[in-house]
C-alpha cells in the first residue's frame, strides 16, 4: 500500500512540474498609455522561429524534459514537449545579462 501511495505521489508531482505557462509581460511603449501588456507563450525547437522573441528572457521547462524521457516510447509526447513547449517566458531582458548566467 505504501508503495502504491508513493508512486501516486511521484506521478502527481510530475503533473505539477511538467507544464509551461504563457506569461503576460508589461512592455514599455513611447505612447501616452505607458505600458502594453503582451502575452508571450512557450516555444520549442519546431516553432522557435515563429514564437521566440529576442527581447524576452526564457528558461527551460525541466518538467517537460523529464516527461519526454519518461514517455519516449510514445513518440508523440516527446515531440510535443521538446518541439513546441520546451522554453517558457520569464520577463524582459534588461541588457546586462551575461550569457549562460542563471
PDB file of N, CA and C in Angstrom:
ATOM      1  N   UNK A   1       0.814  -1.191   0.000  1.00  0.00           N
ATOM      2  CA  UNK A   1       0.000   0.000   0.000  1.00  0.00           C
ATOM      3  C   UNK A   1       0.866   1.267   0.000  1.00  0.00           C
ATOM      4  N   UNK A   2       1.946   1.251   0.804  1.00  0.00           N
ATOM      5  CA  UNK A   2       2.837   2.412   0.846  1.00  0.00           C
ATOM      6  C   UNK A   2       3.505   2.636  -0.506  1.00  0.00           C
ATOM      7  N   UNK A   3       3.832   1.544  -1.178  1.00  0.00           N
ATOM      8  CA  UNK A   3       4.490   1.661  -2.476  1.00  0.00           C
ATOM      9  C   UNK A   3       3.550   2.305  -3.500  1.00  0.00           C
ATOM     10  N   UNK A   4       2.293   1.916  -3.480  1.00  0.00           N
ATOM     11  CA  UNK A   4       1.320   2.488  -4.406  1.00  0.00           C
ATOM     12  C   UNK A   4       1.119   3.974  -4.117  1.00  0.00           C
ATOM     13  N   UNK A   5       1.020   4.331  -2.847  1.00  0.00           N
ATOM     14  CA  UNK A   5       0.864   5.737  -2.488  1.00  0.00           C
ATOM     15  C   UNK A   5       2.077   6.568  -2.888  1.00  0.00           C
ATOM     16  N   UNK A   6       3.263   6.010  -2.714  1.00  0.00           N
ATOM     17  CA  UNK A   6       4.464   6.758  -3.100  1.00  0.00           C
ATOM     18  C   UNK A   6       4.536   6.936  -4.614  1.00  0.00           C
ATOM     19  N   UNK A   7       4.127   5.930  -5.372  1.00  0.00           N
ATOM     20  CA  UNK A   7       4.112   6.051  -6.833  1.00  0.00           C
ATOM     21  C   UNK A   7       3.098   7.104  -7.259  1.00  0.00           C
ATOM     22  N   UNK A   8       1.919   7.095  -6.664  1.00  0.00           N
ATOM     23  CA  UNK A   8       0.908   8.103  -6.987  1.00  0.00           C
ATOM     24  C   UNK A   8       1.375   9.506  -6.615  1.00  0.00           C
ATOM     25  N   UNK A   9       2.094   9.630  -5.520  1.00  0.00           N
ATOM     26  CA  UNK A   9       2.628  10.925  -5.111  1.00  0.00           C
ATOM     27  C   UNK A   9       3.664  11.439  -6.112  1.00  0.00           C
ATOM     28  N   UNK A  10       4.542  10.569  -6.562  1.00  0.00           N
ATOM     29  CA  UNK A  10       5.552  10.957  -7.554  1.00  0.00           C
ATOM     30  C   UNK A  10       4.879  11.368  -8.858  1.00  0.00           C
ATOM     31  N   UNK A  11       3.884  10.619  -9.291  1.00  0.00           N
ATOM     32  CA  UNK A  11       3.176  10.961 -10.527  1.00  0.00           C
ATOM     33  C   UNK A  11       2.465  12.303 -10.387  1.00  0.00           C
ATOM     34  N   UNK A  12       1.868  12.558  -9.246  1.00  0.00           N
ATOM     35  CA  UNK A  12       1.194  13.844  -9.054  1.00  0.00           C
ATOM     36  C   UNK A  12       2.192  15.001  -9.065  1.00  0.00           C
ATOM     37  N   UNK A  13       3.379  14.814  -8.491  1.00  0.00           N
ATOM     38  CA  UNK A  13       4.412  15.855  -8.555  1.00  0.00           C
ATOM     39  C   UNK A  13       4.858  16.101  -9.991  1.00  0.00           C
ATOM     40  N   UNK A  14       4.963  15.053 -10.789  1.00  0.00           N
ATOM     41  CA  UNK A  14       5.354  15.231 -12.182  1.00  0.00           C
ATOM     42  C   UNK A  14       4.313  16.030 -12.951  1.00  0.00           C
ATOM     43  N   UNK A  15       3.034  15.807 -12.655  1.00  0.00           N
ATOM     44  CA  UNK A  15       1.999  16.590 -13.319  1.00  0.00           C
ATOM     45  C   UNK A  15       2.088  18.064 -12.935  1.00  0.00           C
ATOM     46  N   UNK A  16       2.453  18.343 -11.713  1.00  0.00           N
ATOM     47  CA  UNK A  16       2.563  19.729 -11.265  1.00  0.00           C
ATOM     48  C   UNK A  16       3.739  20.425 -11.940  1.00  0.00           C
ATOM     49  N   UNK A  17       4.853  19.733 -12.079  1.00  0.00           N
ATOM     50  CA  UNK A  17       6.073  20.349 -12.595  1.00  0.00           C
ATOM     51  C   UNK A  17       6.246  20.201 -14.096  1.00  0.00           C
ATOM     52  N   UNK A  18       5.329  19.580 -14.795  1.00  0.00           N
ATOM     53  CA  UNK A  18       5.545  19.265 -16.197  1.00  0.00           C
ATOM     54  C   UNK A  18       4.879  20.175 -17.189  1.00  0.00           C
ATOM     55  N   UNK A  19       4.558  21.389 -16.847  1.00  0.00           N
ATOM     56  CA  UNK A  19       3.855  22.240 -17.791  1.00  0.00           C
ATOM     57  C   UNK A  19       4.485  23.622 -17.832  1.00  0.00           C
ATOM     58  N   UNK A  20       4.550  24.173 -19.031  1.00  0.00           N
ATOM     59  CA  UNK A  20       4.970  25.553 -19.178  1.00  0.00           C
ATOM     60  C   UNK A  20       3.741  26.444 -19.170  1.00  0.00           C
ATOM     61  N   UNK A  21       3.949  27.712 -18.941  1.00  0.00           N
ATOM     62  CA  UNK A  21       2.825  28.625 -18.863  1.00  0.00           C
ATOM     63  C   UNK A  21       3.164  29.882 -19.642  1.00  0.00           C
ATOM     64  N   UNK A  22       2.176  30.401 -20.350  1.00  0.00           N
ATOM     65  CA  UNK A  22       2.393  31.683 -21.003  1.00  0.00           C
ATOM     66  C   UNK A  22       2.389  32.772 -19.933  1.00  0.00           C
ATOM     67  N   UNK A  23       2.962  33.911 -20.272  1.00  0.00           N
ATOM     68  CA  UNK A  23       3.101  34.971 -19.277  1.00  0.00           C
ATOM     69  C   UNK A  23       2.757  36.310 -19.913  1.00  0.00           C
ATOM     70  N   UNK A  24       2.056  37.141 -19.162  1.00  0.00           N
ATOM     71  CA  UNK A  24       1.752  38.496 -19.613  1.00  0.00           C
ATOM     72  C   UNK A  24       2.845  39.413 -19.074  1.00  0.00           C
ATOM     73  N   UNK A  25       3.533  40.091 -19.989  1.00  0.00           N
ATOM     74  CA  UNK A  25       4.676  40.935 -19.635  1.00  0.00           C
ATOM     75  C   UNK A  25       4.372  42.368 -20.056  1.00  0.00           C
ATOM     76  N   UNK A  26       4.674  43.314 -19.172  1.00  0.00           N
ATOM     77  CA  UNK A  26       4.474  44.726 -19.487  1.00  0.00           C
ATOM     78  C   UNK A  26       5.635  45.216 -20.344  1.00  0.00           C
ATOM     79  N   UNK A  27       5.316  45.663 -21.538  1.00  0.00           N
ATOM     80  CA  UNK A  27       6.310  46.196 -22.464  1.00  0.00           C
ATOM     81  C   UNK A  27       6.188  47.718 -22.437  1.00  0.00           C
ATOM     82  N   UNK A  28       7.263  48.435 -22.093  1.00  0.00           N
ATOM     83  CA  UNK A  28       7.176  49.902 -22.098  1.00  0.00           C
ATOM     84  C   UNK A  28       7.004  50.428 -23.524  1.00  0.00           C
ATOM     85  N   UNK A  29       6.155  51.410 -23.677  1.00  0.00           N
ATOM     86  CA  UNK A  29       5.934  51.992 -25.003  1.00  0.00           C
ATOM     87  C   UNK A  29       6.142  53.499 -24.939  1.00  0.00           C
ATOM     88  N   UNK A  30       6.294  54.100 -26.098  1.00  0.00           N
ATOM     89  CA  UNK A  30       6.542  55.543 -26.178  1.00  0.00           C
ATOM     90  C   UNK A  30       5.249  56.336 -26.336  1.00  0.00           C
ATOM     91  N   UNK A  31       4.126  55.699 -26.107  1.00  0.00           N
ATOM     92  CA  UNK A  31       2.851  56.398 -26.247  1.00  0.00           C
ATOM     93  C   UNK A  31       2.415  56.960 -24.898  1.00  0.00           C
ATOM     94  N   UNK A  32       1.293  57.636 -24.893  1.00  0.00           N
ATOM     95  CA  UNK A  32       0.788  58.230 -23.653  1.00  0.00           C
ATOM     96  C   UNK A  32       0.190  57.188 -22.715  1.00  0.00           C
ATOM     97  N   UNK A  33      -0.088  55.989 -23.220  1.00  0.00           N
ATOM     98  CA  UNK A  33      -0.702  54.966 -22.370  1.00  0.00           C
ATOM     99  C   UNK A  33       0.300  54.326 -21.424  1.00  0.00           C
ATOM    100  N   UNK A  34       1.584  54.462 -21.665  1.00  0.00           N
ATOM    101  CA  UNK A  34       2.590  53.906 -20.755  1.00  0.00           C
ATOM    102  C   UNK A  34       3.032  52.514 -21.133  1.00  0.00           C
ATOM    103  N   UNK A  35       2.421  51.491 -20.539  1.00  0.00           N
ATOM    104  CA  UNK A  35       2.835  50.107 -20.768  1.00  0.00           C
ATOM    105  C   UNK A  35       1.777  49.342 -21.555  1.00  0.00           C
ATOM    106  N   UNK A  36       2.250  48.412 -22.357  1.00  0.00           N
ATOM    107  CA  UNK A  36       1.368  47.492 -23.056  1.00  0.00           C
ATOM    108  C   UNK A  36       1.544  46.121 -22.444  1.00  0.00           C
ATOM    109  N   UNK A  37       0.451  45.463 -22.098  1.00  0.00           N
ATOM    110  CA  UNK A  37       0.512  44.099 -21.593  1.00  0.00           C
ATOM    111  C   UNK A  37       0.440  43.143 -22.776  1.00  0.00           C
ATOM    112  N   UNK A  38       1.501  42.375 -22.967  1.00  0.00           N
ATOM    113  CA  UNK A  38       1.580  41.440 -24.085  1.00  0.00           C
ATOM    114  C   UNK A  38       1.771  40.044 -23.528  1.00  0.00           C
ATOM    115  N   UNK A  39       1.024  39.083 -24.074  1.00  0.00           N
ATOM    116  CA  UNK A  39       1.140  37.698 -23.625  1.00  0.00           C
ATOM    117  C   UNK A  39       2.141  36.962 -24.514  1.00  0.00           C
ATOM    118  N   UNK A  40       3.117  36.328 -23.870  1.00  0.00           N
ATOM    119  CA  UNK A  40       4.115  35.530 -24.570  1.00  0.00           C
ATOM    120  C   UNK A  40       3.931  34.080 -24.165  1.00  0.00           C
ATOM    121  N   UNK A  41       3.938  33.185 -25.145  1.00  0.00           N
ATOM    122  CA  UNK A  41       3.726  31.768 -24.875  1.00  0.00           C
ATOM    123  C   UNK A  41       5.020  30.978 -24.912  1.00  0.00           C
ATOM    124  N   UNK A  42       4.886  29.687 -24.680  1.00  0.00           N
ATOM    125  CA  UNK A  42       6.039  28.795 -24.716  1.00  0.00           C
ATOM    126  C   UNK A  42       6.434  28.523 -26.161  1.00  0.00           C
ATOM    127  N   UNK A  43       7.661  28.075 -26.341  1.00  0.00           N
ATOM    128  CA  UNK A  43       8.100  27.653 -27.666  1.00  0.00           C
ATOM    129  C   UNK A  43       9.060  26.487 -27.510  1.00  0.00           C
ATOM    130  N   UNK A  44       9.277  25.794 -28.610  1.00  0.00           N
ATOM    131  CA  UNK A  44      10.185  24.654 -28.617  1.00  0.00           C
ATOM    132  C   UNK A  44      11.088  24.698 -29.835  1.00  0.00           C
ATOM    133  N   UNK A  45      11.669  23.567 -30.152  1.00  0.00           N
ATOM    134  CA  UNK A  45      12.613  23.512 -31.263  1.00  0.00           C
ATOM    135  C   UNK A  45      11.936  23.674 -32.619  1.00  0.00           C
ATOM    136  N   UNK A  46      10.683  23.232 -32.736  1.00  0.00           N
ATOM    137  CA  UNK A  46       9.999  23.293 -34.028  1.00  0.00           C
ATOM    138  C   UNK A  46       9.419  24.666 -34.340  1.00  0.00           C
ATOM    139  N   UNK A  47       9.057  25.436 -33.335  1.00  0.00           N
ATOM    140  CA  UNK A  47       8.416  26.728 -33.596  1.00  0.00           C
ATOM    141  C   UNK A  47       9.198  27.916 -33.031  1.00  0.00           C
ATOM    142  N   UNK A  48      10.487  27.761 -32.825  1.00  0.00           N
ATOM    143  CA  UNK A  48      11.255  28.867 -32.243  1.00  0.00           C
ATOM    144  C   UNK A  48      11.390  30.037 -33.203  1.00  0.00           C
ATOM    145  N   UNK A  49      11.386  29.805 -34.507  1.00  0.00           N
ATOM    146  CA  UNK A  49      11.474  30.920 -35.447  1.00  0.00           C
ATOM    147  C   UNK A  49      10.210  31.771 -35.426  1.00  0.00           C
ATOM    148  N   UNK A  50       9.079  31.159 -35.090  1.00  0.00           N
ATOM    149  CA  UNK A  50       7.815  31.889 -35.068  1.00  0.00           C
ATOM    150  C   UNK A  50       7.508  32.512 -33.715  1.00  0.00           C
ATOM    151  N   UNK A  51       7.845  31.832 -32.623  1.00  0.00           N
ATOM    152  CA  UNK A  51       7.381  32.256 -31.302  1.00  0.00           C
ATOM    153  C   UNK A  51       8.437  32.888 -30.405  1.00  0.00           C
ATOM    154  N   UNK A  52       9.711  32.721 -30.690  1.00  0.00           N
ATOM    155  CA  UNK A  52      10.749  33.270 -29.816  1.00  0.00           C
ATOM    156  C   UNK A  52      10.911  34.766 -30.075  1.00  0.00           C
ATOM    157  N   UNK A  53      10.915  35.538 -28.991  1.00  0.00           N
ATOM    158  CA  UNK A  53      11.108  36.976 -29.078  1.00  0.00           C
ATOM    159  C   UNK A  53      12.486  37.306 -28.515  1.00  0.00           C
ATOM    160  N   UNK A  54      13.351  37.991 -29.272  1.00  0.00           N
ATOM    161  CA  UNK A  54      14.714  38.264 -28.797  1.00  0.00           C
ATOM    162  C   UNK A  54      14.782  39.224 -27.605  1.00  0.00           C
ATOM    163  N   UNK A  55      13.705  39.922 -27.291  1.00  0.00           N
ATOM    164  CA  UNK A  55      13.713  40.860 -26.164  1.00  0.00           C
ATOM    165  C   UNK A  55      13.226  40.229 -24.864  1.00  0.00           C
ATOM    166  N   UNK A  56      12.835  38.946 -24.915  1.00  0.00           N
ATOM    167  CA  UNK A  56      12.271  38.262 -23.752  1.00  0.00           C
ATOM    168  C   UNK A  56      13.249  37.208 -23.258  1.00  0.00           C
ATOM    169  N   UNK A  57      13.374  37.095 -21.929  1.00  0.00           N
ATOM    170  CA  UNK A  57      14.180  36.060 -21.288  1.00  0.00           C
ATOM    171  C   UNK A  57      13.346  34.796 -21.167  1.00  0.00           C
ATOM    172  N   UNK A  58      13.913  33.647 -21.528  1.00  0.00           N
ATOM    173  CA  UNK A  58      13.225  32.361 -21.436  1.00  0.00           C
ATOM    174  C   UNK A  58      14.028  31.412 -20.557  1.00  0.00           C
ATOM    175  N   UNK A  59      13.346  30.389 -20.030  1.00  0.00           N
ATOM    176  CA  UNK A  59      14.039  29.333 -19.298  1.00  0.00           C
ATOM    177  C   UNK A  59      13.501  27.985 -19.760  1.00  0.00           C
ATOM    178  N   UNK A  60      14.320  26.960 -19.596  1.00  0.00           N
ATOM    179  CA  UNK A  60      13.934  25.606 -19.986  1.00  0.00           C
ATOM    180  C   UNK A  60      12.934  25.061 -18.974  1.00  0.00           C
ATOM    181  N   UNK A  61      11.933  24.358 -19.466  1.00  0.00           N
ATOM    182  CA  UNK A  61      10.941  23.722 -18.604  1.00  0.00           C
ATOM    183  C   UNK A  61      11.443  22.312 -18.296  1.00  0.00           C
ATOM    184  N   UNK A  62      12.016  22.137 -17.112  1.00  0.00           N
ATOM    185  CA  UNK A  62      12.617  20.860 -16.717  1.00  0.00           C
ATOM    186  C   UNK A  62      11.573  19.744 -16.684  1.00  0.00           C
ATOM    187  N   UNK A  63      10.372  20.041 -16.230  1.00  0.00           N
ATOM    188  CA  UNK A  63       9.323  19.028 -16.161  1.00  0.00           C
ATOM    189  C   UNK A  63       9.000  18.427 -17.514  1.00  0.00           C
ATOM    190  N   UNK A  64       9.003  19.256 -18.562  1.00  0.00           N
ATOM    191  CA  UNK A  64       8.727  18.731 -19.897  1.00  0.00           C
ATOM    192  C   UNK A  64       9.868  17.850 -20.400  1.00  0.00           C
ATOM    193  N   UNK A  65      11.094  18.161 -20.022  1.00  0.00           N
ATOM    194  CA  UNK A  65      12.222  17.305 -20.392  1.00  0.00           C
ATOM    195  C   UNK A  65      12.090  15.954 -19.692  1.00  0.00           C
ATOM    196  N   UNK A  66      11.723  15.974 -18.413  1.00  0.00           N
ATOM    197  CA  UNK A  66      11.535  14.727 -17.663  1.00  0.00           C
ATOM    198  C   UNK A  66      10.421  13.902 -18.288  1.00  0.00           C
ATOM    199  N   UNK A  67       9.301  14.548 -18.615  1.00  0.00           N
ATOM    200  CA  UNK A  67       8.201  13.817 -19.249  1.00  0.00           C
ATOM    201  C   UNK A  67       8.615  13.260 -20.605  1.00  0.00           C
ATOM    202  N   UNK A  68       9.439  13.973 -21.347  1.00  0.00           N
ATOM    203  CA  UNK A  68       9.905  13.467 -22.642  1.00  0.00           C
ATOM    204  C   UNK A  68      10.725  12.202 -22.477  1.00  0.00           C
ATOM    205  N   UNK A  69      11.552  12.160 -21.448  1.00  0.00           N
ATOM    206  CA  UNK A  69      12.361  10.966 -21.195  1.00  0.00           C
ATOM    207  C   UNK A  69      11.475   9.810 -20.736  1.00  0.00           C
ATOM    208  N   UNK A  70      10.531  10.089 -19.847  1.00  0.00           N
ATOM    209  CA  UNK A  70       9.655   9.032 -19.337  1.00  0.00           C
ATOM    210  C   UNK A  70       8.775   8.465 -20.452  1.00  0.00           C
ATOM    211  N   UNK A  71       8.246   9.326 -21.305  1.00  0.00           N
ATOM    212  CA  UNK A  71       7.307   8.901 -22.344  1.00  0.00           C
ATOM    213  C   UNK A  71       7.959   8.766 -23.715  1.00  0.00           C
ATOM    214  N   UNK A  72       9.254   8.457 -23.751  1.00  0.00           N
ATOM    215  CA  UNK A  72       9.981   8.387 -25.014  1.00  0.00           C
ATOM    216  C   UNK A  72       9.413   7.319 -25.949  1.00  0.00           C
ATOM    217  N   UNK A  73       8.832   6.269 -25.414  1.00  0.00           N
ATOM    218  CA  UNK A  73       8.302   5.198 -26.256  1.00  0.00           C
ATOM    219  C   UNK A  73       7.026   5.599 -26.986  1.00  0.00           C
ATOM    220  N   UNK A  74       6.351   6.627 -26.531  1.00  0.00           N
ATOM    221  CA  UNK A  74       5.113   7.037 -27.192  1.00  0.00           C
ATOM    222  C   UNK A  74       5.369   7.875 -28.442  1.00  0.00           C
ATOM    223  N   UNK A  75       6.539   8.408 -28.604  1.00  0.00           N
ATOM    224  CA  UNK A  75       6.997   9.238 -29.723  1.00  0.00           C
ATOM    225  C   UNK A  75       6.252  10.575 -29.795  1.00  0.00           C
ATOM    226  N   UNK A  76       4.950  10.580 -29.614  1.00  0.00           N
ATOM    227  CA  UNK A  76       4.175  11.814 -29.763  1.00  0.00           C
ATOM    228  C   UNK A  76       4.427  12.778 -28.603  1.00  0.00           C
ATOM    229  N   UNK A  77       4.466  12.285 -27.382  1.00  0.00           N
ATOM    230  CA  UNK A  77       4.663  13.160 -26.216  1.00  0.00           C
ATOM    231  C   UNK A  77       6.003  13.897 -26.269  1.00  0.00           C
ATOM    232  N   UNK A  78       7.131  13.217 -26.532  1.00  0.00           N
ATOM    233  CA  UNK A  78       8.391  13.969 -26.618  1.00  0.00           C
ATOM    234  C   UNK A  78       8.412  14.978 -27.766  1.00  0.00           C
ATOM    235  N   UNK A  79       7.761  14.650 -28.879  1.00  0.00           N
ATOM    236  CA  UNK A  79       7.701  15.608 -29.983  1.00  0.00           C
ATOM    237  C   UNK A  79       6.981  16.884 -29.557  1.00  0.00           C
ATOM    238  N   UNK A  80       5.910  16.736 -28.799  1.00  0.00           N
ATOM    239  CA  UNK A  80       5.200  17.924 -28.325  1.00  0.00           C
ATOM    240  C   UNK A  80       6.025  18.683 -27.290  1.00  0.00           C
ATOM    241  N   UNK A  81       6.503  17.974 -26.260  1.00  0.00           N
ATOM    242  CA  UNK A  81       7.191  18.644 -25.159  1.00  0.00           C
ATOM    243  C   UNK A  81       8.461  19.352 -25.617  1.00  0.00           C
ATOM    244  N   UNK A  82       9.259  18.707 -26.446  1.00  0.00           N
ATOM    245  CA  UNK A  82      10.517  19.313 -26.892  1.00  0.00           C
ATOM    246  C   UNK A  82      10.298  20.202 -28.110  1.00  0.00           C
ATOM    247  N   UNK A  83       9.374  19.824 -28.974  1.00  0.00           N
ATOM    248  CA  UNK A  83       9.162  20.571 -30.204  1.00  0.00           C
ATOM    249  C   UNK A  83       8.364  21.843 -30.048  1.00  0.00           C
ATOM    250  N   UNK A  84       7.417  21.874 -29.111  1.00  0.00           N
ATOM    251  CA  UNK A  84       6.526  23.024 -29.023  1.00  0.00           C
ATOM    252  C   UNK A  84       6.436  23.659 -27.641  1.00  0.00           C
ATOM    253  N   UNK A  85       6.985  23.028 -26.610  1.00  0.00           N
ATOM    254  CA  UNK A  85       6.812  23.568 -25.256  1.00  0.00           C
ATOM    255  C   UNK A  85       8.052  23.306 -24.403  1.00  0.00           C
ATOM    256  N   UNK A  86       9.209  23.750 -24.876  1.00  0.00           N
ATOM    257  CA  UNK A  86      10.456  23.489 -24.159  1.00  0.00           C
ATOM    258  C   UNK A  86      10.937  24.694 -23.352  1.00  0.00           C
ATOM    259  N   UNK A  87      10.580  25.893 -23.778  1.00  0.00           N
ATOM    260  CA  UNK A  87      11.003  27.119 -23.097  1.00  0.00           C
ATOM    261  C   UNK A  87       9.779  27.933 -22.711  1.00  0.00           C
ATOM    262  N   UNK A  88       9.831  28.568 -21.523  1.00  0.00           N
ATOM    263  CA  UNK A  88       8.745  29.446 -21.104  1.00  0.00           C
ATOM    264  C   UNK A  88       9.294  30.839 -20.824  1.00  0.00           C
ATOM    265  N   UNK A  89       8.485  31.881 -21.071  1.00  0.00           N
ATOM    266  CA  UNK A  89       8.955  33.254 -20.856  1.00  0.00           C
ATOM    267  C   UNK A  89       9.085  33.578 -19.372  1.00  0.00           C
ATOM    268  N   UNK A  90      10.106  34.379 -19.053  1.00  0.00           N
ATOM    269  CA  UNK A  90      10.345  34.785 -17.666  1.00  0.00           C
ATOM    270  C   UNK A  90      10.167  36.287 -17.469  1.00  0.00           C
ATOM    271  N   UNK A  91      10.531  37.084 -18.457  1.00  0.00           N
ATOM    272  CA  UNK A  91      10.428  38.537 -18.325  1.00  0.00           C
ATOM    273  C   UNK A  91      11.234  39.217 -19.414  1.00  0.00           C
ATOM    274  N   UNK A  92      11.311  40.522 -19.338  1.00  0.00           N
ATOM    275  CA  UNK A  92      12.089  41.290 -20.310  1.00  0.00           C
ATOM    276  C   UNK A  92      13.581  41.141 -20.053  1.00  0.00           C
ATOM    277  N   UNK A  93      14.363  41.153 -21.126  1.00  0.00           N
ATOM    278  CA  UNK A  93      15.814  41.219 -20.977  1.00  0.00           C
ATOM    279  C   UNK A  93      16.173  42.648 -20.606  1.00  0.00           C
ATOM    280  N   UNK A  94      17.087  42.784 -19.662  1.00  0.00           N
ATOM    281  CA  UNK A  94      17.477  44.122 -19.228  1.00  0.00           C
ATOM    282  C   UNK A  94      18.693  44.642 -19.980  1.00  0.00           C
ATOM    283  N   UNK A  95      19.389  43.782 -20.663  1.00  0.00           N
ATOM    284  CA  UNK A  95      20.551  44.201 -21.424  1.00  0.00           C
ATOM    285  C   UNK A  95      21.862  43.953 -20.718  1.00  0.00           C
ATOM    286  N   UNK A  96      21.843  43.711 -19.405  1.00  0.00           N
ATOM    287  CA  UNK A  96      23.092  43.486 -18.682  1.00  0.00           C
ATOM    288  C   UNK A  96      23.263  42.027 -18.269  1.00  0.00           C
ATOM    289  N   UNK A  97      22.502  41.113 -18.896  1.00  0.00           N
ATOM    290  CA  UNK A  97      22.651  39.696 -18.573  1.00  0.00           C
ATOM    291  C   UNK A  97      23.922  39.144 -19.200  1.00  0.00           C
ATOM    292  N   UNK A  98      24.550  38.227 -18.509  1.00  0.00           N
ATOM    293  CA  UNK A  98      25.711  37.527 -19.034  1.00  0.00           C
ATOM    294  C   UNK A  98      25.210  36.215 -19.612  1.00  0.00           C
ATOM    295  N   UNK A  99      25.650  35.882 -20.826  1.00  0.00           N
ATOM    296  CA  UNK A  99      25.171  34.670 -21.479  1.00  0.00           C
ATOM    297  C   UNK A  99      25.545  33.451 -20.643  1.00  0.00           C
ATOM    298  N   UNK A 100      24.550  32.611 -20.360  1.00  0.00           N
ATOM    299  CA  UNK A 100      24.767  31.410 -19.573  1.00  0.00           C
ATOM    300  C   UNK A 100      24.557  31.596 -18.085  1.00  0.00           C
ATOM    301  N   UNK A 101      24.419  32.830 -17.638  1.00  0.00           N
ATOM    302  CA  UNK A 101      24.218  33.094 -16.209  1.00  0.00           C
ATOM    303  C   UNK A 101      22.768  32.810 -15.830  1.00  0.00           C
ATOM    304  N   UNK A 102      22.592  32.222 -14.664  1.00  0.00           N
ATOM    305  CA  UNK A 102      21.236  31.897 -14.209  1.00  0.00           C
ATOM    306  C   UNK A 102      20.767  32.942 -13.232  1.00  0.00           C
TER     307      UNK A 102
END
